[in-house]
N, C-alpha and C. Protein backbone atom coordinates (compact mmCIF):
# COMPACT_ATOMS: atom_id res chain seq x y z
N UNK A 1 45.23 66.25 126.12
CA UNK A 1 46.30 66.90 125.39
C UNK A 1 47.13 67.71 126.36
N UNK A 2 48.42 67.48 126.39
CA UNK A 2 49.32 68.18 127.31
C UNK A 2 49.77 69.51 126.75
N UNK A 3 50.22 70.35 127.63
CA UNK A 3 50.76 71.65 127.22
C UNK A 3 52.22 71.47 126.85
N UNK A 4 52.61 71.99 125.70
CA UNK A 4 53.98 71.85 125.20
C UNK A 4 54.76 73.13 125.43
N UNK A 5 54.50 73.82 126.52
CA UNK A 5 55.15 75.09 126.80
C UNK A 5 56.66 74.98 126.89
N UNK A 6 57.24 73.98 127.59
CA UNK A 6 58.70 73.92 127.65
C UNK A 6 59.34 73.79 126.26
N UNK A 7 58.73 72.98 125.38
CA UNK A 7 59.31 72.85 124.04
C UNK A 7 59.15 74.13 123.25
N UNK A 8 58.04 74.84 123.46
CA UNK A 8 57.82 76.10 122.78
C UNK A 8 58.87 77.12 123.20
N UNK A 9 59.12 77.21 124.51
CA UNK A 9 60.14 78.14 124.99
C UNK A 9 61.53 77.74 124.51
N UNK A 10 61.82 76.44 124.49
CA UNK A 10 63.12 75.97 124.01
C UNK A 10 63.31 76.38 122.56
N UNK A 11 62.29 76.15 121.72
CA UNK A 11 62.40 76.52 120.31
C UNK A 11 62.53 78.02 120.13
N UNK A 12 61.81 78.80 120.93
CA UNK A 12 61.93 80.25 120.84
C UNK A 12 63.34 80.69 121.22
N UNK A 13 63.90 80.08 122.26
CA UNK A 13 65.26 80.43 122.67
C UNK A 13 66.27 80.04 121.61
N UNK A 14 66.04 78.94 120.91
CA UNK A 14 66.94 78.53 119.83
C UNK A 14 66.94 79.58 118.72
N UNK A 15 65.76 80.12 118.41
CA UNK A 15 65.67 81.16 117.37
C UNK A 15 66.47 82.38 117.79
N UNK A 16 66.38 82.76 119.07
CA UNK A 16 67.12 83.92 119.56
C UNK A 16 68.62 83.69 119.46
N UNK A 17 69.06 82.47 119.74
CA UNK A 17 70.49 82.17 119.70
C UNK A 17 71.04 82.26 118.28
N UNK A 18 70.19 82.03 117.28
CA UNK A 18 70.64 82.07 115.89
C UNK A 18 71.05 83.47 115.47
N UNK A 19 70.49 84.48 116.11
CA UNK A 19 70.83 85.87 115.79
C UNK A 19 72.04 86.30 116.60
N UNK A 20 73.03 86.84 115.95
CA UNK A 20 74.19 87.33 116.68
C UNK A 20 73.86 88.67 117.31
N UNK A 21 74.68 89.07 118.25
CA UNK A 21 74.46 90.35 118.92
C UNK A 21 74.51 91.49 117.92
N UNK A 22 75.42 91.42 116.97
CA UNK A 22 75.53 92.51 116.01
C UNK A 22 74.31 92.61 115.12
N UNK A 23 73.74 91.48 114.71
CA UNK A 23 72.56 91.56 113.85
C UNK A 23 71.36 92.06 114.63
N UNK A 24 71.27 91.73 115.94
CA UNK A 24 70.18 92.25 116.75
C UNK A 24 70.29 93.76 116.90
N UNK A 25 71.50 94.25 117.11
CA UNK A 25 71.67 95.69 117.28
C UNK A 25 71.39 96.42 115.98
N UNK A 26 71.71 95.83 114.84
CA UNK A 26 71.42 96.46 113.56
C UNK A 26 69.92 96.60 113.35
N UNK A 27 69.14 95.70 113.90
CA UNK A 27 67.69 95.74 113.75
C UNK A 27 67.04 96.63 114.80
N UNK A 28 67.82 97.22 115.69
CA UNK A 28 67.28 98.10 116.70
C UNK A 28 66.69 97.37 117.89
N UNK A 29 67.13 96.14 118.16
CA UNK A 29 66.63 95.37 119.29
C UNK A 29 67.73 95.31 120.34
N UNK A 30 67.51 95.95 121.49
CA UNK A 30 68.54 95.93 122.53
C UNK A 30 68.68 94.55 123.15
N UNK A 31 69.83 94.32 123.76
CA UNK A 31 70.09 93.05 124.43
C UNK A 31 69.01 92.81 125.50
N UNK A 32 68.53 91.57 125.57
CA UNK A 32 67.50 91.23 126.54
C UNK A 32 66.09 91.48 126.05
N UNK A 33 65.94 91.80 124.77
CA UNK A 33 64.63 92.07 124.18
C UNK A 33 64.46 91.26 122.89
N UNK A 34 63.24 91.22 122.42
CA UNK A 34 62.92 90.53 121.16
C UNK A 34 61.91 91.38 120.39
N UNK A 35 62.05 91.36 119.08
CA UNK A 35 61.07 92.03 118.23
C UNK A 35 59.99 91.03 117.84
N UNK A 36 58.75 91.45 117.94
CA UNK A 36 57.62 90.62 117.53
C UNK A 36 56.74 91.45 116.61
N UNK A 37 56.05 90.77 115.72
CA UNK A 37 55.12 91.42 114.81
C UNK A 37 53.71 91.04 115.24
N UNK A 38 52.85 92.04 115.40
CA UNK A 38 51.52 91.82 115.96
C UNK A 38 50.48 92.39 115.01
N UNK A 39 49.40 91.64 114.84
CA UNK A 39 48.28 92.11 114.03
C UNK A 39 47.70 91.00 113.20
N UNK A 40 46.43 91.13 112.88
CA UNK A 40 45.77 90.11 112.06
C UNK A 40 46.07 90.32 110.58
N UNK A 41 45.92 91.53 110.10
CA UNK A 41 46.14 91.81 108.68
C UNK A 41 47.40 92.65 108.49
N UNK A 42 47.36 93.85 109.04
CA UNK A 42 48.53 94.73 108.97
C UNK A 42 49.33 94.54 110.25
N UNK A 43 50.59 94.12 110.12
CA UNK A 43 51.40 93.79 111.29
C UNK A 43 52.29 94.96 111.69
N UNK A 44 52.36 95.18 113.00
CA UNK A 44 53.20 96.24 113.55
C UNK A 44 54.29 95.61 114.40
N UNK A 45 55.48 96.18 114.36
CA UNK A 45 56.62 95.63 115.09
C UNK A 45 56.69 96.23 116.49
N UNK A 46 56.87 95.35 117.49
CA UNK A 46 57.06 95.76 118.87
C UNK A 46 58.33 95.11 119.40
N UNK A 47 59.02 95.79 120.29
CA UNK A 47 60.20 95.24 120.95
C UNK A 47 59.83 95.06 122.42
N UNK A 48 59.91 93.81 122.89
CA UNK A 48 59.49 93.49 124.26
C UNK A 48 60.63 92.79 125.00
N UNK A 49 60.66 92.89 126.33
CA UNK A 49 61.69 92.20 127.11
C UNK A 49 61.54 90.69 127.03
N UNK A 50 62.65 89.98 127.06
CA UNK A 50 62.61 88.52 127.04
C UNK A 50 61.90 87.95 128.26
N UNK A 51 61.87 88.69 129.35
CA UNK A 51 61.20 88.22 130.57
C UNK A 51 59.72 87.96 130.34
N UNK A 52 59.12 88.59 129.33
CA UNK A 52 57.71 88.36 129.03
C UNK A 52 57.45 86.91 128.61
N UNK A 53 58.47 86.24 128.09
CA UNK A 53 58.30 84.86 127.63
C UNK A 53 57.90 83.92 128.77
N UNK A 54 58.24 84.28 129.99
CA UNK A 54 57.92 83.43 131.14
C UNK A 54 56.52 83.67 131.69
N UNK A 55 55.85 84.72 131.25
CA UNK A 55 54.53 85.03 131.79
C UNK A 55 53.46 84.17 131.09
N UNK A 56 52.54 83.57 131.86
CA UNK A 56 51.53 82.69 131.28
C UNK A 56 50.68 83.34 130.18
N UNK A 57 50.32 84.59 130.32
CA UNK A 57 49.50 85.26 129.30
C UNK A 57 50.26 85.42 127.99
N UNK A 58 51.53 85.78 128.10
CA UNK A 58 52.34 85.94 126.89
C UNK A 58 52.62 84.58 126.26
N UNK A 59 52.80 83.57 127.10
CA UNK A 59 53.01 82.21 126.60
C UNK A 59 51.80 81.72 125.81
N UNK A 60 50.61 82.13 126.23
CA UNK A 60 49.40 81.76 125.49
C UNK A 60 49.42 82.37 124.09
N UNK A 61 49.91 83.61 123.98
CA UNK A 61 50.05 84.23 122.65
C UNK A 61 51.06 83.47 121.80
N UNK A 62 52.16 83.05 122.42
CA UNK A 62 53.16 82.28 121.67
C UNK A 62 52.58 80.95 121.21
N UNK A 63 51.75 80.35 122.02
CA UNK A 63 51.11 79.09 121.66
C UNK A 63 50.21 79.29 120.45
N UNK A 64 49.45 80.37 120.43
CA UNK A 64 48.58 80.63 119.27
C UNK A 64 49.41 80.92 118.02
N UNK A 65 50.57 81.55 118.20
CA UNK A 65 51.46 81.79 117.06
C UNK A 65 52.00 80.47 116.52
N UNK A 66 52.35 79.55 117.43
CA UNK A 66 52.84 78.24 117.00
C UNK A 66 51.76 77.48 116.25
N UNK A 67 50.52 77.54 116.75
CA UNK A 67 49.43 76.82 116.09
C UNK A 67 49.14 77.38 114.70
N UNK A 68 49.24 78.69 114.55
CA UNK A 68 48.90 79.30 113.26
C UNK A 68 50.05 79.23 112.26
N UNK A 69 51.27 79.49 112.71
CA UNK A 69 52.39 79.60 111.79
C UNK A 69 53.44 78.51 111.94
N UNK A 70 53.43 77.75 113.01
CA UNK A 70 54.55 76.86 113.30
C UNK A 70 55.73 77.74 113.66
N UNK A 71 56.91 77.36 113.21
CA UNK A 71 58.09 78.17 113.50
C UNK A 71 58.65 78.82 112.23
N UNK A 72 57.85 78.86 111.18
CA UNK A 72 58.23 79.55 109.95
C UNK A 72 57.24 80.69 109.76
N UNK A 73 57.60 81.83 110.28
CA UNK A 73 56.70 82.98 110.24
C UNK A 73 56.84 83.71 108.91
N UNK A 74 55.73 84.20 108.35
CA UNK A 74 55.76 84.82 107.03
C UNK A 74 56.63 86.07 106.94
N UNK A 75 56.80 86.80 108.04
CA UNK A 75 57.60 88.03 108.00
C UNK A 75 59.06 87.76 108.30
N UNK A 76 59.39 86.52 108.64
CA UNK A 76 60.76 86.20 109.00
C UNK A 76 61.04 86.43 110.46
N UNK A 77 60.14 87.07 111.16
CA UNK A 77 60.26 87.31 112.59
C UNK A 77 59.12 86.63 113.32
N UNK A 78 59.12 86.73 114.61
CA UNK A 78 58.07 86.13 115.41
C UNK A 78 56.79 86.93 115.22
N UNK A 79 55.76 86.28 114.67
CA UNK A 79 54.49 86.93 114.40
C UNK A 79 53.44 86.41 115.35
N UNK A 80 52.75 87.31 116.04
CA UNK A 80 51.71 86.93 116.99
C UNK A 80 50.37 87.32 116.40
N UNK A 81 49.51 86.32 116.16
CA UNK A 81 48.22 86.59 115.50
C UNK A 81 47.15 87.07 116.48
N UNK A 82 47.22 88.32 116.86
CA UNK A 82 46.16 88.91 117.69
C UNK A 82 46.05 90.38 117.32
N UNK A 83 44.97 90.99 117.77
CA UNK A 83 44.78 92.41 117.49
C UNK A 83 45.82 93.23 118.25
N UNK A 84 46.20 94.33 117.66
CA UNK A 84 47.22 95.20 118.26
C UNK A 84 46.79 95.73 119.62
N UNK A 85 45.53 96.12 119.76
CA UNK A 85 45.05 96.66 121.03
C UNK A 85 45.08 95.61 122.15
N UNK A 86 44.82 94.35 121.81
CA UNK A 86 44.88 93.27 122.79
C UNK A 86 46.32 93.08 123.25
N UNK A 87 47.27 93.12 122.31
CA UNK A 87 48.68 92.96 122.64
C UNK A 87 49.16 94.11 123.53
N UNK A 88 48.79 95.33 123.19
CA UNK A 88 49.21 96.48 123.98
C UNK A 88 48.62 96.40 125.39
N UNK A 89 47.38 95.99 125.49
CA UNK A 89 46.75 95.83 126.80
C UNK A 89 47.51 94.80 127.64
N UNK A 90 47.84 93.66 127.04
CA UNK A 90 48.56 92.61 127.75
C UNK A 90 49.94 93.09 128.21
N UNK A 91 50.70 93.68 127.30
CA UNK A 91 52.05 94.09 127.65
C UNK A 91 52.05 95.23 128.66
N UNK A 92 51.05 96.09 128.63
CA UNK A 92 51.00 97.15 129.63
C UNK A 92 50.72 96.57 131.01
N UNK A 93 49.91 95.50 131.09
CA UNK A 93 49.68 94.84 132.38
C UNK A 93 50.95 94.12 132.86
N UNK A 94 51.75 93.59 131.93
CA UNK A 94 52.99 92.90 132.31
C UNK A 94 54.02 93.88 132.85
N UNK A 95 54.03 95.10 132.34
CA UNK A 95 54.97 96.11 132.79
C UNK A 95 54.67 96.53 134.23
N UNK A 96 53.40 96.52 134.60
CA UNK A 96 53.00 96.94 135.93
C UNK A 96 53.38 95.90 136.97
N UNK A 97 53.21 94.61 136.63
CA UNK A 97 53.47 93.56 137.62
C UNK A 97 54.91 93.19 137.74
């Protein structure tokens, strides 16, 4: 089974293009960032830089989101099915590197 990472990134970029700059700013997401919802049961909103999409660890989270939800997320936004503490740990390591 091959990795479908390029198609996953392409589809994620297509979703970003659908949102206009004004609608992103109304939601409190600065240019160059994306809002994601994280959590197994109770979901919390995080705003992360788009550069995280290129990191292998973050891509693995996107892959799990694709497997669980496809591209129709229940909250209407990108939902990542992992524990909040795991997500915070990952993103804090990405900020350092």
